[in-house]
Amino acid sequence: MLSFLTLLPFTLILEGAQYASVFGGAAGAGASGLGLLATLCICGFLHFLYNQFSYVVLQRVNPVTHSVGNTMKRVAVIVSSIVVFKNEVTTLNKIGTAIAIFGVGLYSQVKRLKPNVKK
C-alpha cells in the first residue's frame, strides 16, 4: 500500500493524460469510467494473487520445474487466445509454441529417466 501511495502522484503527473484519453475512449464505446476503473482494479488484484501464488509454488518446487510450468502456462494462454478470441496464428507463433512444447516434453523425459539426486 505504501508503494502505491508513493507512486500514485508520479503516475498521475507522467501518465495522467494517457489515462484521460483511455477513459474518454471507454465512455465513447458506451462503458462507464467507473466500470473501467473497477475492471482495472480487479485485473491488478488478480495479477497480485498470481504473483503471490507463483512465489508459494516456487518455494515448494525446483526453480527449473517452476520455469517449465510457467512456459506451459504461456502456451496455454496462447492456445486459449486463439480458440476464444479467434486470433490469427502466424508462422512465428506456431514455431514458438512448438519449441516450447518440445522443450517441456524433452525436460519431462530427462527428468523421468534421471532420478532426483538429493545432496
N, C-alpha and C. Protein backbone atom coordinates (compact mmCIF):
# COMPACT_ATOMS: atom_id res chain seq x y z
N MET A 1 0.83 -1.19 0.00
CA MET A 1 0.00 0.00 0.00
C MET A 1 0.88 1.26 0.00
N LEU A 2 1.98 1.19 0.72
CA LEU A 2 2.88 2.34 0.79
C LEU A 2 3.46 2.65 -0.58
N SER A 3 3.84 1.60 -1.33
CA SER A 3 4.40 1.84 -2.66
C SER A 3 3.34 2.44 -3.59
N PHE A 4 2.10 1.99 -3.46
CA PHE A 4 1.02 2.55 -4.28
C PHE A 4 0.86 4.04 -4.00
N LEU A 5 0.79 4.40 -2.73
CA LEU A 5 0.61 5.80 -2.37
C LEU A 5 1.81 6.66 -2.76
N THR A 6 3.00 6.08 -2.71
CA THR A 6 4.20 6.82 -3.08
C THR A 6 4.25 7.07 -4.58
N LEU A 7 3.87 6.08 -5.38
CA LEU A 7 3.99 6.19 -6.83
C LEU A 7 2.77 6.82 -7.51
N LEU A 8 1.65 6.91 -6.82
CA LEU A 8 0.44 7.46 -7.42
C LEU A 8 0.63 8.89 -7.96
N PRO A 9 1.23 9.82 -7.21
CA PRO A 9 1.41 11.17 -7.76
C PRO A 9 2.28 11.17 -9.03
N PHE A 10 3.36 10.39 -9.03
CA PHE A 10 4.22 10.34 -10.21
C PHE A 10 3.47 9.76 -11.40
N THR A 11 2.67 8.74 -11.16
CA THR A 11 1.89 8.13 -12.24
C THR A 11 0.92 9.13 -12.83
N LEU A 12 0.23 9.85 -11.98
CA LEU A 12 -0.75 10.82 -12.47
C LEU A 12 -0.09 11.97 -13.22
N ILE A 13 1.08 12.41 -12.75
CA ILE A 13 1.79 13.50 -13.42
C ILE A 13 2.33 13.05 -14.77
N LEU A 14 2.98 11.89 -14.80
CA LEU A 14 3.65 11.44 -16.02
C LEU A 14 2.70 10.81 -17.03
N GLU A 15 1.65 10.15 -16.57
CA GLU A 15 0.79 9.41 -17.49
C GLU A 15 -0.68 9.78 -17.38
N GLY A 16 -0.98 10.84 -16.67
CA GLY A 16 -2.38 11.23 -16.46
C GLY A 16 -3.13 11.52 -17.74
N ALA A 17 -2.47 12.15 -18.70
CA ALA A 17 -3.14 12.47 -19.97
C ALA A 17 -3.52 11.20 -20.72
N GLN A 18 -2.68 10.19 -20.65
CA GLN A 18 -2.99 8.93 -21.32
C GLN A 18 -4.22 8.28 -20.69
N TYR A 19 -4.30 8.32 -19.36
CA TYR A 19 -5.46 7.74 -18.68
C TYR A 19 -6.73 8.48 -19.06
N ALA A 20 -6.63 9.80 -19.19
CA ALA A 20 -7.81 10.59 -19.55
C ALA A 20 -8.33 10.18 -20.93
N SER A 21 -7.41 9.95 -21.89
CA SER A 21 -7.87 9.55 -23.22
C SER A 21 -8.47 8.15 -23.21
N VAL A 22 -7.93 7.27 -22.36
CA VAL A 22 -8.48 5.91 -22.25
C VAL A 22 -9.89 5.95 -21.67
N PHE A 23 -10.08 6.72 -20.61
CA PHE A 23 -11.41 6.83 -20.03
C PHE A 23 -12.38 7.51 -20.99
N GLY A 24 -11.87 8.47 -21.77
CA GLY A 24 -12.71 9.11 -22.78
C GLY A 24 -13.12 8.13 -23.87
N GLY A 25 -12.18 7.27 -24.28
CA GLY A 25 -12.49 6.25 -25.28
C GLY A 25 -13.48 5.23 -24.75
N ALA A 26 -13.37 4.90 -23.48
CA ALA A 26 -14.30 3.95 -22.87
C ALA A 26 -15.70 4.56 -22.83
N ALA A 27 -15.78 5.83 -22.52
CA ALA A 27 -17.08 6.49 -22.49
C ALA A 27 -17.68 6.54 -23.89
N GLY A 28 -16.84 6.75 -24.90
CA GLY A 28 -17.31 6.77 -26.27
C GLY A 28 -17.80 5.41 -26.74
N ALA A 29 -17.26 4.36 -26.15
CA ALA A 29 -17.67 3.00 -26.52
C ALA A 29 -18.88 2.53 -25.71
N GLY A 30 -19.38 3.37 -24.83
CA GLY A 30 -20.56 3.02 -24.06
C GLY A 30 -20.27 2.47 -22.67
N ALA A 31 -19.01 2.40 -22.28
CA ALA A 31 -18.65 1.91 -20.95
C ALA A 31 -18.50 3.09 -20.01
N SER A 32 -18.78 2.86 -18.75
CA SER A 32 -18.63 3.94 -17.79
C SER A 32 -17.19 4.00 -17.28
N GLY A 33 -16.77 5.18 -16.90
CA GLY A 33 -15.43 5.34 -16.35
C GLY A 33 -15.26 4.55 -15.06
N LEU A 34 -16.32 4.50 -14.27
CA LEU A 34 -16.25 3.75 -13.01
C LEU A 34 -16.14 2.25 -13.29
N GLY A 35 -16.85 1.78 -14.31
CA GLY A 35 -16.76 0.37 -14.69
C GLY A 35 -15.35 0.00 -15.16
N LEU A 36 -14.75 0.91 -15.95
CA LEU A 36 -13.39 0.68 -16.42
C LEU A 36 -12.42 0.67 -15.24
N LEU A 37 -12.59 1.60 -14.32
CA LEU A 37 -11.72 1.64 -13.14
C LEU A 37 -11.87 0.37 -12.31
N ALA A 38 -13.09 -0.11 -12.14
CA ALA A 38 -13.32 -1.35 -11.40
C ALA A 38 -12.65 -2.53 -12.10
N THR A 39 -12.76 -2.58 -13.42
CA THR A 39 -12.13 -3.65 -14.18
C THR A 39 -10.61 -3.61 -14.03
N LEU A 40 -10.03 -2.42 -14.09
CA LEU A 40 -8.58 -2.27 -13.91
C LEU A 40 -8.15 -2.71 -12.51
N CYS A 41 -8.93 -2.36 -11.51
CA CYS A 41 -8.60 -2.76 -10.13
C CYS A 41 -8.69 -4.28 -9.97
N ILE A 42 -9.70 -4.88 -10.56
CA ILE A 42 -9.85 -6.34 -10.48
C ILE A 42 -8.67 -7.02 -11.18
N CYS A 43 -8.30 -6.51 -12.36
CA CYS A 43 -7.15 -7.08 -13.08
C CYS A 43 -5.87 -6.96 -12.26
N GLY A 44 -5.66 -5.81 -11.66
CA GLY A 44 -4.48 -5.61 -10.82
C GLY A 44 -4.47 -6.55 -9.63
N PHE A 45 -5.61 -6.72 -8.99
CA PHE A 45 -5.69 -7.63 -7.85
C PHE A 45 -5.44 -9.07 -8.25
N LEU A 46 -6.00 -9.50 -9.39
CA LEU A 46 -5.77 -10.86 -9.86
C LEU A 46 -4.31 -11.09 -10.21
N HIS A 47 -3.65 -10.08 -10.77
CA HIS A 47 -2.22 -10.22 -11.06
C HIS A 47 -1.41 -10.31 -9.76
N PHE A 48 -1.80 -9.55 -8.75
CA PHE A 48 -1.16 -9.65 -7.44
C PHE A 48 -1.30 -11.06 -6.88
N LEU A 49 -2.51 -11.63 -6.97
CA LEU A 49 -2.72 -13.00 -6.49
C LEU A 49 -1.89 -14.00 -7.28
N TYR A 50 -1.78 -13.79 -8.59
CA TYR A 50 -0.95 -14.67 -9.42
C TYR A 50 0.50 -14.63 -8.94
N ASN A 51 1.03 -13.45 -8.67
CA ASN A 51 2.41 -13.33 -8.20
C ASN A 51 2.59 -14.01 -6.84
N GLN A 52 1.64 -13.83 -5.95
CA GLN A 52 1.73 -14.48 -4.64
C GLN A 52 1.73 -16.00 -4.80
N PHE A 53 0.83 -16.51 -5.61
CA PHE A 53 0.75 -17.94 -5.85
C PHE A 53 2.04 -18.46 -6.47
N SER A 54 2.61 -17.68 -7.38
CA SER A 54 3.86 -18.07 -8.04
C SER A 54 4.99 -18.20 -7.03
N TYR A 55 5.07 -17.29 -6.08
CA TYR A 55 6.11 -17.37 -5.05
C TYR A 55 5.90 -18.58 -4.14
N VAL A 56 4.66 -18.89 -3.82
CA VAL A 56 4.38 -20.06 -2.99
C VAL A 56 4.81 -21.34 -3.72
N VAL A 57 4.47 -21.42 -5.01
CA VAL A 57 4.86 -22.59 -5.80
C VAL A 57 6.38 -22.66 -5.90
N LEU A 58 7.04 -21.54 -6.11
CA LEU A 58 8.49 -21.51 -6.25
C LEU A 58 9.18 -21.99 -4.98
N GLN A 59 8.58 -21.74 -3.82
CA GLN A 59 9.16 -22.22 -2.56
C GLN A 59 9.04 -23.74 -2.43
N ARG A 60 8.11 -24.35 -3.14
CA ARG A 60 7.84 -25.77 -2.96
C ARG A 60 8.42 -26.66 -4.06
N VAL A 61 8.79 -26.07 -5.20
CA VAL A 61 9.32 -26.88 -6.30
C VAL A 61 10.68 -26.35 -6.73
N ASN A 62 11.34 -27.15 -7.55
CA ASN A 62 12.62 -26.78 -8.13
C ASN A 62 12.41 -25.57 -9.06
N PRO A 63 13.34 -24.61 -9.10
CA PRO A 63 13.17 -23.46 -9.98
C PRO A 63 13.02 -23.83 -11.46
N VAL A 64 13.69 -24.91 -11.89
CA VAL A 64 13.56 -25.33 -13.29
C VAL A 64 12.14 -25.85 -13.53
N THR A 65 11.61 -26.60 -12.59
CA THR A 65 10.24 -27.10 -12.71
C THR A 65 9.26 -25.92 -12.76
N HIS A 66 9.51 -24.92 -11.95
CA HIS A 66 8.66 -23.72 -11.95
C HIS A 66 8.72 -23.03 -13.32
N SER A 67 9.91 -22.94 -13.87
CA SER A 67 10.07 -22.31 -15.18
C SER A 67 9.35 -23.10 -16.27
N VAL A 68 9.43 -24.43 -16.20
CA VAL A 68 8.73 -25.26 -17.18
C VAL A 68 7.22 -25.06 -17.05
N GLY A 69 6.72 -25.03 -15.83
CA GLY A 69 5.29 -24.78 -15.62
C GLY A 69 4.87 -23.43 -16.16
N ASN A 70 5.71 -22.42 -15.96
CA ASN A 70 5.41 -21.09 -16.47
C ASN A 70 5.39 -21.09 -18.00
N THR A 71 6.29 -21.84 -18.61
CA THR A 71 6.30 -21.95 -20.07
C THR A 71 5.01 -22.59 -20.57
N MET A 72 4.58 -23.65 -19.90
CA MET A 72 3.33 -24.30 -20.30
C MET A 72 2.14 -23.38 -20.08
N LYS A 73 2.19 -22.55 -19.06
CA LYS A 73 1.12 -21.58 -18.84
C LYS A 73 1.04 -20.61 -20.01
N ARG A 74 2.19 -20.18 -20.49
CA ARG A 74 2.21 -19.26 -21.63
C ARG A 74 1.64 -19.91 -22.89
N VAL A 75 1.99 -21.18 -23.09
CA VAL A 75 1.44 -21.91 -24.23
C VAL A 75 -0.08 -22.00 -24.10
N ALA A 76 -0.56 -22.29 -22.89
CA ALA A 76 -2.00 -22.40 -22.67
C ALA A 76 -2.69 -21.06 -22.93
N VAL A 77 -2.06 -19.96 -22.55
CA VAL A 77 -2.63 -18.64 -22.80
C VAL A 77 -2.71 -18.37 -24.31
N ILE A 78 -1.66 -18.73 -25.03
CA ILE A 78 -1.66 -18.53 -26.48
C ILE A 78 -2.76 -19.35 -27.14
N VAL A 79 -2.84 -20.63 -26.78
CA VAL A 79 -3.85 -21.50 -27.37
C VAL A 79 -5.26 -21.01 -27.00
N SER A 80 -5.44 -20.61 -25.76
CA SER A 80 -6.75 -20.09 -25.33
C SER A 80 -7.13 -18.84 -26.11
N SER A 81 -6.17 -17.96 -26.33
CA SER A 81 -6.49 -16.73 -27.08
C SER A 81 -6.84 -17.04 -28.53
N ILE A 82 -6.20 -18.08 -29.08
CA ILE A 82 -6.53 -18.48 -30.45
C ILE A 82 -7.96 -19.03 -30.51
N VAL A 83 -8.30 -19.87 -29.54
CA VAL A 83 -9.62 -20.51 -29.54
C VAL A 83 -10.72 -19.51 -29.19
N VAL A 84 -10.53 -18.75 -28.13
CA VAL A 84 -11.60 -17.87 -27.63
C VAL A 84 -11.74 -16.62 -28.49
N PHE A 85 -10.61 -15.95 -28.78
CA PHE A 85 -10.67 -14.67 -29.47
C PHE A 85 -10.45 -14.78 -30.98
N LYS A 86 -10.23 -15.99 -31.46
CA LYS A 86 -10.00 -16.23 -32.90
C LYS A 86 -8.83 -15.40 -33.43
N ASN A 87 -7.76 -15.30 -32.61
CA ASN A 87 -6.57 -14.56 -33.03
C ASN A 87 -5.88 -15.27 -34.19
N GLU A 88 -5.28 -14.48 -35.05
CA GLU A 88 -4.55 -15.03 -36.19
C GLU A 88 -3.28 -15.71 -35.68
N VAL A 89 -2.97 -16.87 -36.26
CA VAL A 89 -1.78 -17.61 -35.86
C VAL A 89 -0.73 -17.46 -36.97
N THR A 90 0.35 -16.77 -36.64
CA THR A 90 1.42 -16.58 -37.62
C THR A 90 2.37 -17.77 -37.56
N THR A 91 3.21 -17.85 -38.55
CA THR A 91 4.22 -18.92 -38.58
C THR A 91 5.13 -18.81 -37.37
N LEU A 92 5.49 -17.60 -36.99
CA LEU A 92 6.35 -17.40 -35.83
C LEU A 92 5.66 -17.90 -34.55
N ASN A 93 4.34 -17.67 -34.42
CA ASN A 93 3.59 -18.19 -33.27
C ASN A 93 3.65 -19.71 -33.23
N LYS A 94 3.45 -20.32 -34.38
CA LYS A 94 3.46 -21.78 -34.45
C LYS A 94 4.83 -22.34 -34.07
N ILE A 95 5.89 -21.73 -34.60
CA ILE A 95 7.24 -22.20 -34.31
C ILE A 95 7.55 -22.03 -32.82
N GLY A 96 7.22 -20.88 -32.26
CA GLY A 96 7.49 -20.63 -30.84
C GLY A 96 6.73 -21.58 -29.93
N THR A 97 5.47 -21.83 -30.23
CA THR A 97 4.68 -22.76 -29.42
C THR A 97 5.23 -24.18 -29.54
N ALA A 98 5.62 -24.56 -30.75
CA ALA A 98 6.18 -25.91 -30.95
C ALA A 98 7.49 -26.08 -30.18
N ILE A 99 8.34 -25.06 -30.20
CA ILE A 99 9.60 -25.13 -29.45
C ILE A 99 9.33 -25.25 -27.96
N ALA A 100 8.37 -24.48 -27.45
CA ALA A 100 8.04 -24.54 -26.02
C ALA A 100 7.52 -25.91 -25.63
N ILE A 101 6.61 -26.46 -26.43
CA ILE A 101 6.06 -27.78 -26.11
C ILE A 101 7.15 -28.85 -26.21
N PHE A 102 7.99 -28.75 -27.24
CA PHE A 102 9.08 -29.71 -27.40
C PHE A 102 10.04 -29.63 -26.21
N GLY A 103 10.38 -28.43 -25.78
CA GLY A 103 11.28 -28.26 -24.64
C GLY A 103 10.72 -28.84 -23.36
N VAL A 104 9.44 -28.61 -23.12
CA VAL A 104 8.80 -29.16 -21.92
C VAL A 104 8.77 -30.68 -22.00
N GLY A 105 8.45 -31.22 -23.18
CA GLY A 105 8.45 -32.68 -23.34
C GLY A 105 9.83 -33.27 -23.13
N LEU A 106 10.85 -32.61 -23.67
CA LEU A 106 12.22 -33.09 -23.51
C LEU A 106 12.64 -33.04 -22.03
N TYR A 107 12.30 -31.97 -21.35
CA TYR A 107 12.61 -31.86 -19.93
C TYR A 107 11.93 -32.97 -19.13
N SER A 108 10.68 -33.22 -19.45
CA SER A 108 9.94 -34.27 -18.74
C SER A 108 10.58 -35.63 -18.94
N GLN A 109 11.02 -35.91 -20.16
CA GLN A 109 11.66 -37.21 -20.43
C GLN A 109 12.99 -37.33 -19.69
N VAL A 110 13.79 -36.29 -19.69
CA VAL A 110 15.07 -36.33 -18.98
C VAL A 110 14.83 -36.47 -17.49
N LYS A 111 13.86 -35.75 -16.97
CA LYS A 111 13.54 -35.81 -15.53
C LYS A 111 13.08 -37.22 -15.16
N ARG A 112 12.32 -37.87 -16.05
CA ARG A 112 11.83 -39.22 -15.78
C ARG A 112 12.96 -40.24 -15.82
N LEU A 113 13.88 -40.08 -16.75
CA LEU A 113 14.97 -41.03 -16.91
C LEU A 113 16.05 -40.88 -15.85
N LYS A 114 16.30 -39.67 -15.42
CA LYS A 114 17.34 -39.40 -14.43
C LYS A 114 16.69 -39.12 -13.09
N PRO A 115 16.84 -40.04 -12.12
CA PRO A 115 16.17 -39.81 -10.82
C PRO A 115 16.76 -38.60 -10.10
N ASN A 116 15.96 -38.05 -9.23
CA ASN A 116 16.37 -36.89 -8.44
C ASN A 116 17.45 -37.30 -7.45
N VAL A 117 18.56 -36.58 -7.44
CA VAL A 117 19.65 -36.86 -6.51
C VAL A 117 19.67 -35.75 -5.48
N LYS A 118 19.44 -36.10 -4.22
CA LYS A 118 19.44 -35.13 -3.13
C LYS A 118 20.82 -35.08 -2.52
N LYS A 119 21.28 -33.88 -2.16
CA LYS A 119 22.60 -33.73 -1.53
C LYS A 119 22.48 -33.78 -0.03
